[in-house]
N, C-alpha and C. Protein backbone atom coordinates (compact mmCIF):
# COMPACT_ATOMS: atom_id res chain seq x y z
N MET A 1 14.27 18.31 -10.94
CA MET A 1 13.30 17.53 -10.15
C MET A 1 12.44 16.88 -10.27
N THR A 2 12.06 15.38 -9.75
CA THR A 2 10.68 14.88 -10.17
C THR A 2 9.53 15.28 -9.12
N ASN A 3 8.45 15.13 -10.15
CA ASN A 3 7.10 15.26 -9.48
C ASN A 3 6.72 14.00 -8.47
N LYS A 4 6.63 14.60 -7.22
CA LYS A 4 5.94 13.49 -6.16
C LYS A 4 4.65 13.37 -6.24
N THR A 5 4.31 12.37 -6.90
CA THR A 5 2.69 11.99 -7.11
C THR A 5 2.27 10.66 -6.73
N ILE A 6 2.98 10.33 -5.39
CA ILE A 6 2.58 9.09 -4.77
C ILE A 6 2.67 9.36 -3.26
N LYS A 7 1.76 9.02 -2.57
CA LYS A 7 1.73 8.92 -1.18
C LYS A 7 1.88 7.77 -0.34
N VAL A 8 2.57 7.81 0.61
CA VAL A 8 2.82 6.44 1.40
C VAL A 8 1.09 6.79 2.39
N VAL A 9 0.27 6.03 2.35
CA VAL A 9 -0.85 6.13 3.10
C VAL A 9 -0.54 5.45 4.44
N ASN A 10 0.18 4.25 4.60
CA ASN A 10 0.37 3.54 5.80
C ASN A 10 1.25 2.24 5.63
N HIS A 11 1.83 1.87 6.54
CA HIS A 11 2.87 0.85 6.03
C HIS A 11 3.10 -0.14 7.75
N TRP A 12 3.29 -1.48 7.44
CA TRP A 12 3.12 -2.47 8.51
C TRP A 12 4.14 -3.48 8.43
N PHE A 13 4.82 -3.55 9.83
CA PHE A 13 5.77 -4.35 9.93
C PHE A 13 5.31 -6.05 10.52
N ASN A 14 5.77 -7.20 9.89
CA ASN A 14 5.54 -8.32 10.45
C ASN A 14 6.10 -8.24 11.79
N VAL A 15 5.78 -9.72 12.74
CA VAL A 15 5.79 -9.79 14.22
C VAL A 15 7.60 -9.64 14.11
N ALA A 16 8.29 -10.45 13.58
CA ALA A 16 9.30 -10.43 13.34
C ALA A 16 10.39 -9.19 12.96
N GLY A 17 9.87 -8.72 12.52
CA GLY A 17 9.91 -7.11 12.00
C GLY A 17 11.38 -7.31 10.74
N ASP A 18 11.01 -8.26 9.90
CA ASP A 18 11.94 -8.50 9.00
C ASP A 18 11.25 -8.33 7.55
N ALA A 19 9.92 -8.19 7.41
CA ALA A 19 9.23 -7.40 6.23
C ALA A 19 8.37 -6.44 6.49
N GLU A 20 7.98 -5.64 5.38
CA GLU A 20 7.04 -4.42 5.37
C GLU A 20 6.37 -4.50 4.40
N ILE A 21 4.85 -4.07 4.58
CA ILE A 21 4.07 -4.07 3.52
C ILE A 21 3.47 -2.58 3.76
N VAL A 22 3.52 -2.04 2.35
CA VAL A 22 3.28 -0.52 2.08
C VAL A 22 2.23 -0.43 1.35
N LEU A 23 1.53 0.80 1.79
CA LEU A 23 0.20 0.97 1.05
C LEU A 23 -0.15 2.19 0.46
N LEU A 24 0.33 2.42 -0.89
CA LEU A 24 0.62 3.71 -1.71
C LEU A 24 -0.82 4.26 -2.24
N LYS A 25 -0.57 5.76 -2.46
CA LYS A 25 -1.86 6.33 -2.88
C LYS A 25 -1.62 7.29 -4.18
N SER A 26 -2.01 7.09 -5.09
CA SER A 26 -1.74 8.44 -6.11
C SER A 26 -2.34 9.86 -5.85
N LEU A 27 -1.54 10.82 -5.79
CA LEU A 27 -1.90 12.09 -5.77
C LEU A 27 -2.45 13.07 -6.59
N ASP A 28 -2.14 12.32 -8.03
CA ASP A 28 -2.57 13.41 -9.06
C ASP A 28 -4.15 12.80 -9.70
N GLY A 29 -4.67 11.96 -8.98
CA GLY A 29 -5.69 10.99 -9.68
C GLY A 29 -5.93 9.94 -10.65
N ARG A 30 -4.59 9.36 -11.05
CA ARG A 30 -4.22 8.51 -11.63
C ARG A 30 -4.61 7.04 -10.89
N GLU A 31 -4.94 6.04 -11.28
CA GLU A 31 -5.27 4.80 -10.31
C GLU A 31 -3.99 4.04 -10.59
N LEU A 32 -3.42 3.62 -9.47
CA LEU A 32 -2.25 2.69 -9.57
C LEU A 32 -2.67 1.44 -9.88
N VAL A 33 -1.92 0.72 -10.84
CA VAL A 33 -1.89 -0.63 -10.84
C VAL A 33 -1.96 -1.46 -9.76
N ASN A 34 -0.80 -1.38 -9.00
CA ASN A 34 -0.64 -2.09 -7.56
C ASN A 34 -0.78 -1.10 -6.65
N ASN A 35 -1.38 -1.31 -5.37
CA ASN A 35 -0.83 -0.22 -4.62
C ASN A 35 -0.38 -0.88 -2.85
N LEU A 36 -0.26 -1.94 -2.98
CA LEU A 36 0.24 -2.82 -1.84
C LEU A 36 1.78 -3.48 -2.21
N PHE A 37 2.54 -3.06 -1.68
CA PHE A 37 3.96 -3.57 -1.62
C PHE A 37 4.98 -4.15 -0.76
N TRP A 38 4.86 -5.55 -0.49
CA TRP A 38 5.64 -6.12 0.21
C TRP A 38 7.33 -6.30 0.01
N TYR A 39 7.90 -6.00 1.26
CA TYR A 39 9.47 -6.17 0.89
C TYR A 39 9.89 -6.67 2.12
N SER A 40 11.07 -7.04 1.91
CA SER A 40 11.83 -8.11 3.13
C SER A 40 13.28 -7.62 3.23
N GLY A 41 13.73 -7.95 4.30
CA GLY A 41 15.42 -7.92 4.55
C GLY A 41 16.02 -6.57 4.40
N ASP A 42 16.77 -6.27 3.72
CA ASP A 42 17.90 -5.03 3.39
C ASP A 42 17.06 -4.31 2.31
N GLU A 43 15.88 -4.82 1.62
CA GLU A 43 15.23 -4.12 0.49
C GLU A 43 13.90 -3.15 1.01
N ARG A 44 13.78 -3.31 2.63
CA ARG A 44 12.75 -2.64 2.94
C ARG A 44 13.22 -0.94 3.09
N PRO A 45 11.88 -0.16 2.68
CA PRO A 45 12.34 1.44 2.39
C PRO A 45 12.26 2.42 3.46
N PHE A 46 11.57 1.53 4.59
CA PHE A 46 11.45 2.27 5.97
C PHE A 46 10.40 3.89 5.57
N TRP A 47 9.67 3.81 4.79
CA TRP A 47 9.14 4.71 4.43
C TRP A 47 8.23 5.52 5.64
N ASN A 48 8.10 6.55 6.05
CA ASN A 48 7.12 7.02 7.17
C ASN A 48 5.82 7.40 6.60
N ARG A 49 4.55 7.25 6.81
CA ARG A 49 3.27 7.64 6.68
C ARG A 49 3.35 8.86 5.99
N GLY A 50 2.89 9.19 5.17
CA GLY A 50 2.60 10.79 4.56
C GLY A 50 3.67 11.28 3.49
N THR A 51 4.84 10.27 3.31
CA THR A 51 5.88 10.71 2.38
C THR A 51 5.51 10.80 1.26
N LYS A 52 5.91 11.54 0.97
CA LYS A 52 5.35 11.87 -0.89
C LYS A 52 6.97 11.07 -1.89
N LEU A 53 6.38 10.80 -2.52
CA LEU A 53 7.38 9.94 -3.45
C LEU A 53 7.15 10.18 -5.16
N SER A 54 8.25 10.07 -5.62
CA SER A 54 8.04 9.88 -7.40
C SER A 54 8.06 8.80 -7.85
N VAL A 55 7.35 8.16 -8.86
CA VAL A 55 7.23 7.19 -9.64
C VAL A 55 8.33 6.45 -9.70
N ASP A 56 9.63 7.20 -9.95
CA ASP A 56 11.17 6.69 -10.12
C ASP A 56 11.58 6.10 -8.84
N GLU A 57 11.23 7.08 -7.80
CA GLU A 57 11.76 6.27 -6.56
C GLU A 57 10.89 4.91 -6.16
N VAL A 58 9.54 4.99 -6.31
CA VAL A 58 8.90 3.70 -5.96
C VAL A 58 9.46 2.40 -7.11
N LYS A 59 9.88 2.82 -8.20
CA LYS A 59 10.30 1.73 -9.16
C LYS A 59 11.64 1.41 -8.74
N ALA A 60 12.38 2.16 -8.14
CA ALA A 60 13.74 1.93 -7.55
C ALA A 60 13.93 0.96 -6.41
N THR A 61 12.56 0.99 -5.95
CA THR A 61 12.62 -0.31 -4.65
C THR A 61 12.85 -1.64 -5.44
N ARG A 62 12.83 -2.62 -4.33
CA ARG A 62 12.97 -3.99 -4.79
C ARG A 62 11.78 -4.55 -3.87
N CYS A 63 10.62 -4.91 -4.48
CA CYS A 63 9.44 -5.44 -3.53
C CYS A 63 9.54 -6.89 -3.96
N TYR A 64 8.82 -7.81 -3.31
CA TYR A 64 8.73 -9.35 -3.64
C TYR A 64 7.49 -9.43 -4.11
N LYS A 65 6.89 -8.63 -3.69
CA LYS A 65 5.07 -8.76 -4.15
C LYS A 65 4.35 -7.53 -4.05
N GLN A 66 3.73 -7.37 -5.17
CA GLN A 66 2.59 -6.31 -5.69
C GLN A 66 1.08 -6.99 -5.82
N THR A 67 0.45 -6.04 -4.88
CA THR A 67 -1.11 -6.39 -5.19
C THR A 67 -1.93 -5.06 -5.22
N LYS A 68 -3.19 -5.37 -5.61
CA LYS A 68 -4.25 -4.02 -5.47
C LYS A 68 -5.24 -4.39 -4.47
N THR A 69 -5.38 -3.69 -3.54
CA THR A 69 -6.43 -3.80 -2.46
C THR A 69 -7.94 -3.91 -3.30
N GLN A 70 -8.36 -4.71 -2.70
CA GLN A 70 -9.99 -5.00 -3.00
C GLN A 70 -10.82 -4.38 -1.92
N PRO A 71 -11.99 -3.55 -2.34
CA PRO A 71 -12.98 -3.04 -1.36
C PRO A 71 -13.93 -4.35 -0.83
N THR A 72 -14.41 -4.40 0.23
CA THR A 72 -15.00 -5.45 1.04
C THR A 72 -16.31 -5.33 0.67
N GLU A 73 -17.04 -4.26 0.37
CA GLU A 73 -18.38 -3.75 0.08
C GLU A 73 -19.09 -5.02 -1.05
N PRO A 74 -18.55 -5.42 -1.95
CA PRO A 74 -19.32 -6.45 -2.93
C PRO A 74 -19.35 -7.82 -2.41
N ASP A 75 -18.41 -7.91 -1.05
CA ASP A 75 -18.49 -9.29 -0.51
C ASP A 75 -19.56 -9.59 0.76
N ILE A 76 -20.18 -8.36 0.99
CA ILE A 76 -21.58 -8.36 1.84
C ILE A 76 -22.62 -7.97 1.22
N PRO A 77 -23.60 -9.14 1.21
CA PRO A 77 -24.72 -8.84 0.49
C PRO A 77 -25.75 -7.96 1.23
N ASN A 78 -26.80 -7.22 0.47
CA ASN A 78 -27.44 -5.97 0.80
C ASN A 78 -28.53 -6.68 2.25
N ASP A 79 -28.96 -7.84 1.53
CA ASP A 79 -30.06 -8.24 2.81
C ASP A 79 -29.24 -9.09 4.11
N CYS A 80 -27.95 -8.72 4.21
CA CYS A 80 -27.18 -9.21 5.64
C CYS A 80 -27.49 -8.19 6.67
N TYR A 81 -27.63 -9.04 7.82
CA TYR A 81 -27.57 -8.45 9.04
C TYR A 81 -27.41 -9.13 10.63
N MET A 82 -26.78 -8.52 11.34
CA MET A 82 -26.26 -8.96 12.38
C MET A 82 -27.39 -8.88 13.69
N ALA A 83 -27.54 -10.25 14.45
CA ALA A 83 -28.49 -9.84 15.43
C ALA A 83 -27.86 -9.23 16.54
N LEU A 84 -28.24 -8.64 17.52
CA LEU A 84 -27.79 -7.71 18.49
C LEU A 84 -28.00 -8.28 19.75
N ILE A 85 -28.56 -9.75 19.98
CA ILE A 85 -28.67 -10.11 21.06
C ILE A 85 -27.42 -11.34 21.11
């Protein structure tokens, strides 16, 4: 039995329903190199939110794109404010 060290945080489908984006999270504290995976057509895994996976299960899928999510905080200056009027 393999260790389930990755969790599906969320997933989204495009409007046409032929592509899926999956957000993954490590459960053992290790940082994932990439945590957003794009799948299309018959390669879509259809994992539900909360599904726990092993590294081998993720590697067995065929995504067409992988990226790392970036926090938005560095993009917002400390002296930035929004007018309430």
